[in-house]
Amino acid sequence: MDINILLSRYKTGERDFVGVNLHKANLHETDLSGANFCGADLSGADLSQANLSGCNFTRANLTDADLTGADLSGSNMSEINLIGADLINVNLKQTNLSRADLRSANLIRANLTKSNLSEAELSGADLSGANLNQANLTDTNLNEAELNGVNITGATVTEREMSGIVMHTGLSHKWVTWAGGC
């Protein structure tokens, strides 16, 4: 779909863009809040500084997308592909990222407060300085993730995730809720 057509349709009130192909689209600083991009291809797209709050990105492809500084709060991003995506300073507060693929994603200083990351793939991701306050990390793969300065206060984790986290230094992990074990 052509970007101008998408923006025109959005402006007239349309929000359903299921399966749309916006590969490498430039949507920098665009307001597309509340749109449905379920199964869409936004790989390589520039969505930096965009307002994408409340969007549905279930099973969408955002491989190598630039989401730096974007607002994705309250969005449904379950089963999304964000491999290698730039999510620096992104707002993912109260976002559903269950079963999301974030391998090698850059989540430096990302706000993931109260987000659901259950069964997410975060191996090799950089979460330096990220806020995971009250996040659900149950069965999340954090192998080889950079976790320097991460705040996991009040996060729900299983023993498997916690054993990976405590190997790193400088973490805040007070009041962690255990999802299983003793």
N, C-alpha and C. Protein backbone atom coordinates (compact mmCIF):
# COMPACT_ATOMS: atom_id res chain seq x y z
N MET A 1 0.84 -1.19 0.00
CA MET A 1 0.00 0.00 0.00
C MET A 1 0.88 1.24 0.00
N ASP A 2 0.48 2.22 -0.73
CA ASP A 2 1.17 3.50 -0.78
C ASP A 2 0.95 4.24 0.55
N ILE A 3 1.99 4.87 1.05
CA ILE A 3 1.93 5.57 2.34
C ILE A 3 0.87 6.67 2.32
N ASN A 4 0.79 7.42 1.24
CA ASN A 4 -0.20 8.51 1.16
C ASN A 4 -1.63 7.99 1.22
N ILE A 5 -1.88 6.83 0.62
CA ILE A 5 -3.21 6.22 0.67
C ILE A 5 -3.53 5.80 2.11
N LEU A 6 -2.55 5.18 2.76
CA LEU A 6 -2.73 4.77 4.15
C LEU A 6 -3.07 5.98 5.03
N LEU A 7 -2.29 7.04 4.91
CA LEU A 7 -2.50 8.22 5.74
C LEU A 7 -3.84 8.89 5.44
N SER A 8 -4.23 8.89 4.17
CA SER A 8 -5.52 9.45 3.79
C SER A 8 -6.68 8.65 4.38
N ARG A 9 -6.58 7.32 4.29
CA ARG A 9 -7.62 6.46 4.86
C ARG A 9 -7.68 6.60 6.38
N TYR A 10 -6.51 6.69 7.01
CA TYR A 10 -6.47 6.85 8.46
C TYR A 10 -7.14 8.17 8.85
N LYS A 11 -6.85 9.21 8.09
CA LYS A 11 -7.41 10.54 8.39
C LYS A 11 -8.94 10.54 8.29
N THR A 12 -9.50 9.70 7.42
CA THR A 12 -10.96 9.63 7.27
C THR A 12 -11.60 8.66 8.27
N GLY A 13 -10.79 8.07 9.16
CA GLY A 13 -11.33 7.23 10.22
C GLY A 13 -11.08 5.74 10.08
N GLU A 14 -10.53 5.31 8.96
CA GLU A 14 -10.24 3.89 8.81
C GLU A 14 -9.09 3.50 9.74
N ARG A 15 -9.22 2.35 10.38
CA ARG A 15 -8.18 1.87 11.29
C ARG A 15 -7.75 0.44 10.97
N ASP A 16 -8.41 -0.21 10.02
CA ASP A 16 -8.14 -1.61 9.72
C ASP A 16 -7.19 -1.73 8.53
N PHE A 17 -5.91 -2.06 8.85
CA PHE A 17 -4.89 -2.22 7.83
C PHE A 17 -4.24 -3.61 7.94
N VAL A 18 -5.08 -4.62 8.14
CA VAL A 18 -4.63 -6.00 8.31
C VAL A 18 -3.86 -6.44 7.08
N GLY A 19 -2.65 -7.00 7.31
CA GLY A 19 -1.85 -7.58 6.24
C GLY A 19 -1.24 -6.59 5.26
N VAL A 20 -1.31 -5.31 5.54
CA VAL A 20 -0.77 -4.28 4.63
C VAL A 20 0.74 -4.44 4.48
N ASN A 21 1.26 -4.16 3.30
CA ASN A 21 2.70 -4.22 3.04
C ASN A 21 3.25 -2.80 3.02
N LEU A 22 4.01 -2.46 4.06
CA LEU A 22 4.65 -1.15 4.18
C LEU A 22 6.15 -1.32 4.39
N HIS A 23 6.72 -2.29 3.70
CA HIS A 23 8.15 -2.59 3.79
C HIS A 23 8.96 -1.32 3.50
N LYS A 24 9.84 -0.96 4.43
CA LYS A 24 10.72 0.21 4.34
C LYS A 24 9.99 1.54 4.21
N ALA A 25 8.76 1.60 4.69
CA ALA A 25 7.98 2.85 4.64
C ALA A 25 8.56 3.88 5.61
N ASN A 26 8.46 5.15 5.24
CA ASN A 26 8.89 6.24 6.11
C ASN A 26 7.66 6.83 6.79
N LEU A 27 7.45 6.43 8.05
CA LEU A 27 6.32 6.91 8.83
C LEU A 27 6.81 7.64 10.08
N HIS A 28 7.95 8.27 9.97
CA HIS A 28 8.57 9.04 11.06
C HIS A 28 7.59 10.10 11.57
N GLU A 29 7.41 10.13 12.90
CA GLU A 29 6.55 11.11 13.60
C GLU A 29 5.08 11.05 13.18
N THR A 30 4.63 9.94 12.64
CA THR A 30 3.24 9.80 12.20
C THR A 30 2.35 9.35 13.36
N ASP A 31 1.11 9.84 13.40
CA ASP A 31 0.14 9.38 14.39
C ASP A 31 -0.76 8.35 13.74
N LEU A 32 -0.59 7.09 14.15
CA LEU A 32 -1.42 5.99 13.67
C LEU A 32 -2.02 5.24 14.87
N SER A 33 -2.24 5.95 15.95
CA SER A 33 -2.74 5.32 17.17
C SER A 33 -4.05 4.59 16.91
N GLY A 34 -4.17 3.41 17.54
CA GLY A 34 -5.39 2.63 17.44
C GLY A 34 -5.56 1.84 16.16
N ALA A 35 -4.59 1.87 15.27
CA ALA A 35 -4.71 1.15 13.99
C ALA A 35 -4.49 -0.35 14.18
N ASN A 36 -5.07 -1.13 13.28
CA ASN A 36 -4.92 -2.58 13.29
C ASN A 36 -3.97 -2.99 12.17
N PHE A 37 -2.74 -3.38 12.56
CA PHE A 37 -1.73 -3.82 11.61
C PHE A 37 -1.45 -5.32 11.78
N CYS A 38 -2.46 -6.07 12.16
CA CYS A 38 -2.31 -7.51 12.36
C CYS A 38 -1.77 -8.14 11.08
N GLY A 39 -0.66 -8.89 11.20
CA GLY A 39 -0.07 -9.59 10.06
C GLY A 39 0.57 -8.69 9.02
N ALA A 40 0.75 -7.40 9.31
CA ALA A 40 1.32 -6.45 8.35
C ALA A 40 2.83 -6.62 8.22
N ASP A 41 3.37 -6.21 7.08
CA ASP A 41 4.82 -6.20 6.86
C ASP A 41 5.31 -4.76 6.94
N LEU A 42 5.97 -4.45 8.06
CA LEU A 42 6.57 -3.13 8.27
C LEU A 42 8.07 -3.30 8.47
N SER A 43 8.63 -4.35 7.89
CA SER A 43 10.06 -4.61 8.04
C SER A 43 10.86 -3.47 7.43
N GLY A 44 11.89 -3.05 8.15
CA GLY A 44 12.74 -1.97 7.69
C GLY A 44 12.09 -0.60 7.69
N ALA A 45 10.89 -0.48 8.21
CA ALA A 45 10.17 0.81 8.20
C ALA A 45 10.75 1.77 9.24
N ASP A 46 10.63 3.06 8.96
CA ASP A 46 11.02 4.10 9.91
C ASP A 46 9.76 4.57 10.62
N LEU A 47 9.59 4.10 11.85
CA LEU A 47 8.46 4.47 12.69
C LEU A 47 8.94 5.26 13.91
N SER A 48 10.12 5.85 13.79
CA SER A 48 10.69 6.60 14.91
C SER A 48 9.80 7.79 15.26
N GLN A 49 9.66 8.01 16.57
CA GLN A 49 8.86 9.11 17.12
C GLN A 49 7.38 9.02 16.75
N ALA A 50 6.92 7.90 16.23
CA ALA A 50 5.51 7.74 15.83
C ALA A 50 4.64 7.47 17.04
N ASN A 51 3.37 7.88 16.96
CA ASN A 51 2.38 7.54 17.98
C ASN A 51 1.64 6.30 17.49
N LEU A 52 1.97 5.17 18.09
CA LEU A 52 1.37 3.89 17.73
C LEU A 52 0.68 3.28 18.95
N SER A 53 0.28 4.12 19.88
CA SER A 53 -0.36 3.63 21.10
C SER A 53 -1.68 2.95 20.75
N GLY A 54 -1.94 1.84 21.44
CA GLY A 54 -3.19 1.12 21.26
C GLY A 54 -3.33 0.39 19.95
N CYS A 55 -2.24 0.23 19.21
CA CYS A 55 -2.30 -0.48 17.93
C CYS A 55 -2.29 -2.00 18.12
N ASN A 56 -2.75 -2.71 17.12
CA ASN A 56 -2.68 -4.16 17.09
C ASN A 56 -1.64 -4.56 16.05
N PHE A 57 -0.52 -5.13 16.53
CA PHE A 57 0.55 -5.60 15.66
C PHE A 57 0.71 -7.13 15.76
N THR A 58 -0.34 -7.84 16.15
CA THR A 58 -0.26 -9.29 16.30
C THR A 58 0.25 -9.92 15.01
N ARG A 59 1.29 -10.75 15.15
CA ARG A 59 1.92 -11.49 14.05
C ARG A 59 2.45 -10.59 12.92
N ALA A 60 2.70 -9.32 13.21
CA ALA A 60 3.26 -8.40 12.21
C ALA A 60 4.77 -8.60 12.10
N ASN A 61 5.34 -8.21 10.97
CA ASN A 61 6.78 -8.30 10.75
C ASN A 61 7.37 -6.89 10.80
N LEU A 62 8.15 -6.62 11.85
CA LEU A 62 8.85 -5.34 11.99
C LEU A 62 10.35 -5.58 12.10
N THR A 63 10.84 -6.61 11.43
CA THR A 63 12.27 -6.90 11.42
C THR A 63 13.04 -5.67 10.97
N ASP A 64 14.09 -5.32 11.73
CA ASP A 64 14.96 -4.20 11.41
C ASP A 64 14.25 -2.85 11.30
N ALA A 65 13.06 -2.73 11.88
CA ALA A 65 12.35 -1.45 11.87
C ALA A 65 12.98 -0.48 12.87
N ASP A 66 12.84 0.80 12.61
CA ASP A 66 13.32 1.83 13.53
C ASP A 66 12.12 2.40 14.28
N LEU A 67 12.03 2.06 15.56
CA LEU A 67 10.94 2.53 16.41
C LEU A 67 11.46 3.43 17.52
N THR A 68 12.63 4.02 17.31
CA THR A 68 13.26 4.87 18.32
C THR A 68 12.31 5.97 18.77
N GLY A 69 12.08 6.04 20.08
CA GLY A 69 11.25 7.09 20.65
C GLY A 69 9.78 6.97 20.36
N ALA A 70 9.34 5.87 19.78
CA ALA A 70 7.91 5.71 19.45
C ALA A 70 7.09 5.42 20.69
N ASP A 71 5.80 5.73 20.63
CA ASP A 71 4.87 5.41 21.71
C ASP A 71 4.01 4.24 21.26
N LEU A 72 4.26 3.08 21.88
CA LEU A 72 3.52 1.86 21.59
C LEU A 72 2.75 1.40 22.82
N SER A 73 2.53 2.30 23.75
CA SER A 73 1.87 1.94 25.01
C SER A 73 0.49 1.35 24.74
N GLY A 74 0.18 0.29 25.49
CA GLY A 74 -1.13 -0.34 25.39
C GLY A 74 -1.38 -1.11 24.10
N SER A 75 -0.35 -1.34 23.33
CA SER A 75 -0.52 -2.06 22.06
C SER A 75 -0.50 -3.56 22.25
N ASN A 76 -1.08 -4.28 21.30
CA ASN A 76 -1.01 -5.73 21.27
C ASN A 76 0.04 -6.10 20.24
N MET A 77 1.17 -6.63 20.72
CA MET A 77 2.28 -7.00 19.84
C MET A 77 2.62 -8.48 20.04
N SER A 78 1.62 -9.28 20.35
CA SER A 78 1.88 -10.70 20.57
C SER A 78 2.30 -11.35 19.25
N GLU A 79 3.27 -12.23 19.37
CA GLU A 79 3.80 -13.00 18.24
C GLU A 79 4.40 -12.11 17.14
N ILE A 80 4.78 -10.90 17.47
CA ILE A 80 5.38 -9.98 16.51
C ILE A 80 6.84 -10.35 16.25
N ASN A 81 7.33 -10.02 15.08
CA ASN A 81 8.73 -10.22 14.73
C ASN A 81 9.42 -8.87 14.78
N LEU A 82 10.28 -8.69 15.79
CA LEU A 82 11.04 -7.45 15.96
C LEU A 82 12.54 -7.74 15.97
N ILE A 83 12.95 -8.77 15.25
CA ILE A 83 14.37 -9.14 15.21
C ILE A 83 15.18 -7.96 14.68
N GLY A 84 16.20 -7.58 15.46
CA GLY A 84 17.11 -6.50 15.05
C GLY A 84 16.50 -5.12 15.02
N ALA A 85 15.31 -4.94 15.56
CA ALA A 85 14.65 -3.63 15.53
C ALA A 85 15.29 -2.68 16.54
N ASP A 86 15.24 -1.38 16.23
CA ASP A 86 15.71 -0.33 17.13
C ASP A 86 14.52 0.19 17.92
N LEU A 87 14.55 -0.05 19.24
CA LEU A 87 13.49 0.37 20.14
C LEU A 87 14.07 1.22 21.27
N ILE A 88 15.02 2.07 20.94
CA ILE A 88 15.67 2.92 21.93
C ILE A 88 14.67 3.96 22.44
N ASN A 89 14.58 4.09 23.76
CA ASN A 89 13.67 5.06 24.40
C ASN A 89 12.21 4.88 23.97
N VAL A 90 11.83 3.70 23.61
CA VAL A 90 10.45 3.45 23.18
C VAL A 90 9.55 3.27 24.40
N ASN A 91 8.29 3.69 24.28
CA ASN A 91 7.32 3.51 25.35
C ASN A 91 6.49 2.27 25.04
N LEU A 92 6.75 1.19 25.78
CA LEU A 92 6.01 -0.07 25.63
C LEU A 92 5.23 -0.37 26.92
N LYS A 93 4.86 0.66 27.62
CA LYS A 93 4.15 0.49 28.89
C LYS A 93 2.82 -0.22 28.64
N GLN A 94 2.56 -1.26 29.45
CA GLN A 94 1.33 -2.04 29.40
C GLN A 94 1.07 -2.62 28.02
N THR A 95 2.13 -3.06 27.36
CA THR A 95 2.04 -3.64 26.03
C THR A 95 2.10 -5.16 26.12
N ASN A 96 1.32 -5.84 25.29
CA ASN A 96 1.35 -7.29 25.22
C ASN A 96 2.40 -7.71 24.19
N LEU A 97 3.51 -8.24 24.69
CA LEU A 97 4.59 -8.75 23.84
C LEU A 97 4.77 -10.26 24.04
N SER A 98 3.69 -10.94 24.41
CA SER A 98 3.80 -12.38 24.63
C SER A 98 4.18 -13.08 23.33
N ARG A 99 5.12 -14.00 23.45
CA ARG A 99 5.64 -14.78 22.32
C ARG A 99 6.24 -13.90 21.21
N ALA A 100 6.65 -12.68 21.54
CA ALA A 100 7.30 -11.79 20.58
C ALA A 100 8.74 -12.23 20.34
N ASP A 101 9.24 -12.02 19.12
CA ASP A 101 10.62 -12.35 18.78
C ASP A 101 11.41 -11.05 18.72
N LEU A 102 12.20 -10.81 19.77
CA LEU A 102 13.00 -9.60 19.90
C LEU A 102 14.48 -9.92 19.89
N ARG A 103 14.87 -11.00 19.23
CA ARG A 103 16.29 -11.36 19.18
C ARG A 103 17.10 -10.21 18.59
N SER A 104 18.18 -9.90 19.28
CA SER A 104 19.12 -8.84 18.86
C SER A 104 18.48 -7.48 18.70
N ALA A 105 17.33 -7.27 19.31
CA ALA A 105 16.69 -5.95 19.27
C ALA A 105 17.40 -5.00 20.23
N ASN A 106 17.34 -3.72 19.93
CA ASN A 106 17.97 -2.68 20.75
C ASN A 106 16.87 -2.00 21.56
N LEU A 107 16.79 -2.37 22.86
CA LEU A 107 15.77 -1.84 23.75
C LEU A 107 16.37 -0.95 24.84
N ILE A 108 17.44 -0.24 24.51
CA ILE A 108 18.10 0.62 25.48
C ILE A 108 17.12 1.67 26.00
N ARG A 109 17.01 1.76 27.33
CA ARG A 109 16.14 2.70 28.03
C ARG A 109 14.65 2.57 27.64
N ALA A 110 14.25 1.41 27.17
CA ALA A 110 12.84 1.18 26.83
C ALA A 110 12.00 1.11 28.11
N ASN A 111 10.79 1.64 28.05
CA ASN A 111 9.87 1.56 29.17
C ASN A 111 8.91 0.40 28.93
N LEU A 112 9.13 -0.69 29.66
CA LEU A 112 8.32 -1.90 29.55
C LEU A 112 7.52 -2.14 30.83
N THR A 113 7.23 -1.07 31.55
CA THR A 113 6.47 -1.17 32.79
C THR A 113 5.13 -1.86 32.56
N LYS A 114 4.86 -2.88 33.38
CA LYS A 114 3.60 -3.63 33.35
C LYS A 114 3.34 -4.31 32.01
N SER A 115 4.37 -4.56 31.23
CA SER A 115 4.19 -5.24 29.95
C SER A 115 4.22 -6.74 30.12
N ASN A 116 3.58 -7.44 29.21
CA ASN A 116 3.56 -8.89 29.22
C ASN A 116 4.59 -9.40 28.20
N LEU A 117 5.69 -9.94 28.70
CA LEU A 117 6.74 -10.51 27.86
C LEU A 117 6.82 -12.02 28.04
N SER A 118 5.74 -12.64 28.46
CA SER A 118 5.76 -14.08 28.68
C SER A 118 6.06 -14.81 27.38
N GLU A 119 6.98 -15.77 27.48
CA GLU A 119 7.41 -16.59 26.36
C GLU A 119 8.06 -15.79 25.22
N ALA A 120 8.47 -14.56 25.50
CA ALA A 120 9.14 -13.75 24.48
C ALA A 120 10.58 -14.22 24.29
N GLU A 121 11.11 -13.99 23.13
CA GLU A 121 12.48 -14.34 22.77
C GLU A 121 13.31 -13.06 22.77
N LEU A 122 14.18 -12.91 23.80
CA LEU A 122 15.00 -11.71 23.93
C LEU A 122 16.49 -12.04 23.90
N SER A 123 16.85 -13.19 23.37
CA SER A 123 18.27 -13.57 23.34
C SER A 123 19.05 -12.59 22.47
N GLY A 124 20.16 -12.12 23.02
CA GLY A 124 21.01 -11.18 22.30
C GLY A 124 20.48 -9.76 22.25
N ALA A 125 19.35 -9.48 22.89
CA ALA A 125 18.79 -8.13 22.90
C ALA A 125 19.56 -7.25 23.89
N ASP A 126 19.59 -5.96 23.62
CA ASP A 126 20.22 -5.00 24.53
C ASP A 126 19.14 -4.26 25.29
N LEU A 127 19.01 -4.57 26.58
CA LEU A 127 18.01 -3.96 27.44
C LEU A 127 18.66 -3.01 28.44
N SER A 128 19.83 -2.50 28.15
CA SER A 128 20.55 -1.63 29.08
C SER A 128 19.67 -0.45 29.50
N GLY A 129 19.52 -0.29 30.81
CA GLY A 129 18.74 0.83 31.34
C GLY A 129 17.25 0.71 31.14
N ALA A 130 16.76 -0.42 30.69
CA ALA A 130 15.32 -0.59 30.46
C ALA A 130 14.56 -0.68 31.77
N ASN A 131 13.30 -0.29 31.74
CA ASN A 131 12.44 -0.36 32.91
C ASN A 131 11.45 -1.51 32.71
N LEU A 132 11.65 -2.59 33.48
CA LEU A 132 10.78 -3.76 33.43
C LEU A 132 9.96 -3.86 34.72
N ASN A 133 9.69 -2.71 35.34
CA ASN A 133 8.93 -2.66 36.58
C ASN A 133 7.57 -3.33 36.38
N GLN A 134 7.30 -4.35 37.20
CA GLN A 134 6.04 -5.08 37.19
C GLN A 134 5.75 -5.80 35.88
N ALA A 135 6.77 -6.06 35.08
CA ALA A 135 6.59 -6.78 33.82
C ALA A 135 6.46 -8.28 34.07
N ASN A 136 5.77 -8.97 33.18
CA ASN A 136 5.65 -10.42 33.24
C ASN A 136 6.72 -11.02 32.34
N LEU A 137 7.72 -11.65 32.95
CA LEU A 137 8.82 -12.27 32.21
C LEU A 137 8.77 -13.80 32.31
N THR A 138 7.60 -14.35 32.56
CA THR A 138 7.45 -15.79 32.71
C THR A 138 7.84 -16.50 31.41
N ASP A 139 8.78 -17.43 31.54
CA ASP A 139 9.27 -18.24 30.42
C ASP A 139 9.87 -17.40 29.28
N THR A 140 10.40 -16.24 29.59
CA THR A 140 11.07 -15.37 28.62
C THR A 140 12.52 -15.82 28.46
N ASN A 141 13.01 -15.87 27.23
CA ASN A 141 14.39 -16.25 26.98
C ASN A 141 15.26 -15.00 27.00
N LEU A 142 16.12 -14.90 28.03
CA LEU A 142 17.02 -13.76 28.17
C LEU A 142 18.47 -14.15 27.97
N ASN A 143 18.72 -15.32 27.37
CA ASN A 143 20.10 -15.77 27.15
C ASN A 143 20.88 -14.75 26.32
N GLU A 144 22.06 -14.42 26.80
CA GLU A 144 22.97 -13.49 26.14
C GLU A 144 22.39 -12.09 25.93
N ALA A 145 21.34 -11.76 26.66
CA ALA A 145 20.79 -10.40 26.59
C ALA A 145 21.65 -9.48 27.46
N GLU A 146 21.81 -8.23 27.03
CA GLU A 146 22.53 -7.22 27.81
C GLU A 146 21.53 -6.61 28.78
N LEU A 147 21.79 -6.79 30.08
CA LEU A 147 20.84 -6.36 31.11
C LEU A 147 21.45 -5.37 32.09
N ASN A 148 22.43 -4.62 31.67
CA ASN A 148 23.10 -3.67 32.55
C ASN A 148 22.15 -2.54 32.95
N GLY A 149 21.94 -2.38 34.26
CA GLY A 149 21.12 -1.28 34.76
C GLY A 149 19.63 -1.48 34.60
N VAL A 150 19.17 -2.70 34.35
CA VAL A 150 17.74 -2.97 34.16
C VAL A 150 17.01 -2.92 35.50
N ASN A 151 15.83 -2.32 35.50
CA ASN A 151 14.98 -2.29 36.68
C ASN A 151 13.93 -3.37 36.53
N ILE A 152 13.98 -4.40 37.40
CA ILE A 152 12.97 -5.46 37.37
C ILE A 152 12.17 -5.49 38.67
N THR A 153 12.05 -4.35 39.31
CA THR A 153 11.29 -4.25 40.54
C THR A 153 9.85 -4.71 40.30
N GLY A 154 9.42 -5.69 41.08
CA GLY A 154 8.04 -6.17 40.99
C GLY A 154 7.76 -7.05 39.79
N ALA A 155 8.78 -7.41 39.02
CA ALA A 155 8.57 -8.25 37.84
C ALA A 155 8.24 -9.68 38.24
N THR A 156 7.49 -10.35 37.40
CA THR A 156 7.18 -11.76 37.59
C THR A 156 8.12 -12.56 36.70
N VAL A 157 8.93 -13.40 37.34
CA VAL A 157 9.89 -14.21 36.59
C VAL A 157 9.90 -15.62 37.16
N THR A 158 10.32 -16.57 36.34
CA THR A 158 10.52 -17.93 36.82
C THR A 158 11.98 -18.04 37.24
N GLU A 159 12.32 -19.11 37.91
CA GLU A 159 13.68 -19.30 38.38
C GLU A 159 14.68 -19.29 37.23
N ARG A 160 14.27 -19.81 36.08
CA ARG A 160 15.15 -19.84 34.91
C ARG A 160 15.57 -18.43 34.50
N GLU A 161 14.63 -17.49 34.40
CA GLU A 161 14.97 -16.12 34.02
C GLU A 161 15.82 -15.45 35.10
N MET A 162 15.48 -15.67 36.35
CA MET A 162 16.21 -15.03 37.44
C MET A 162 17.65 -15.49 37.47
N SER A 163 17.91 -16.76 37.20
CA SER A 163 19.29 -17.24 37.23
C SER A 163 20.11 -16.55 36.15
N GLY A 164 19.51 -16.23 35.03
CA GLY A 164 20.22 -15.49 33.99
C GLY A 164 20.44 -14.04 34.36
N ILE A 165 19.49 -13.45 35.06
CA ILE A 165 19.57 -12.04 35.43
C ILE A 165 20.62 -11.80 36.50
N VAL A 166 20.70 -12.64 37.51
CA VAL A 166 21.61 -12.36 38.61
C VAL A 166 23.07 -12.51 38.22
N MET A 167 23.37 -13.04 37.06
CA MET A 167 24.75 -13.13 36.61
C MET A 167 25.28 -11.77 36.20
N HIS A 168 24.40 -10.80 36.01
CA HIS A 168 24.80 -9.46 35.59
C HIS A 168 24.84 -8.54 36.80
N THR A 169 25.56 -7.45 36.68
CA THR A 169 25.69 -6.53 37.81
C THR A 169 24.89 -5.26 37.57
N GLY A 170 24.64 -4.55 38.64
CA GLY A 170 23.99 -3.25 38.53
C GLY A 170 22.49 -3.32 38.31
N LEU A 171 21.86 -4.44 38.66
CA LEU A 171 20.44 -4.57 38.42
C LEU A 171 19.64 -4.28 39.68
N SER A 172 18.49 -3.68 39.50
CA SER A 172 17.56 -3.52 40.60
C SER A 172 16.57 -4.66 40.52
N HIS A 173 16.55 -5.53 41.51
CA HIS A 173 15.62 -6.66 41.45
C HIS A 173 14.90 -6.87 42.78
N LYS A 174 14.49 -5.81 43.40
CA LYS A 174 13.73 -5.88 44.63
C LYS A 174 12.29 -6.28 44.32
N TRP A 175 11.68 -6.98 45.24
CA TRP A 175 10.27 -7.34 45.15
C TRP A 175 9.91 -8.11 43.89
N VAL A 176 10.72 -9.07 43.55
CA VAL A 176 10.45 -9.92 42.40
C VAL A 176 9.41 -10.96 42.79
N THR A 177 8.42 -11.18 41.96
CA THR A 177 7.41 -12.19 42.19
C THR A 177 7.79 -13.44 41.44
N TRP A 178 7.81 -14.57 42.13
CA TRP A 178 8.15 -15.84 41.50
C TRP A 178 6.90 -16.49 40.92
N ALA A 179 6.99 -16.93 39.68
CA ALA A 179 5.85 -17.57 39.02
C ALA A 179 5.83 -19.07 39.25
N GLY A 180 6.77 -19.58 39.97
CA GLY A 180 6.80 -21.02 40.21
C GLY A 180 7.92 -21.33 41.18
N GLY A 181 8.14 -22.60 41.42
CA GLY A 181 9.22 -23.00 42.32
C GLY A 181 8.79 -22.92 43.77
N CYS A 182 9.73 -22.66 44.64
CA CYS A 182 9.49 -22.70 46.10
C CYS A 182 8.60 -21.58 46.59
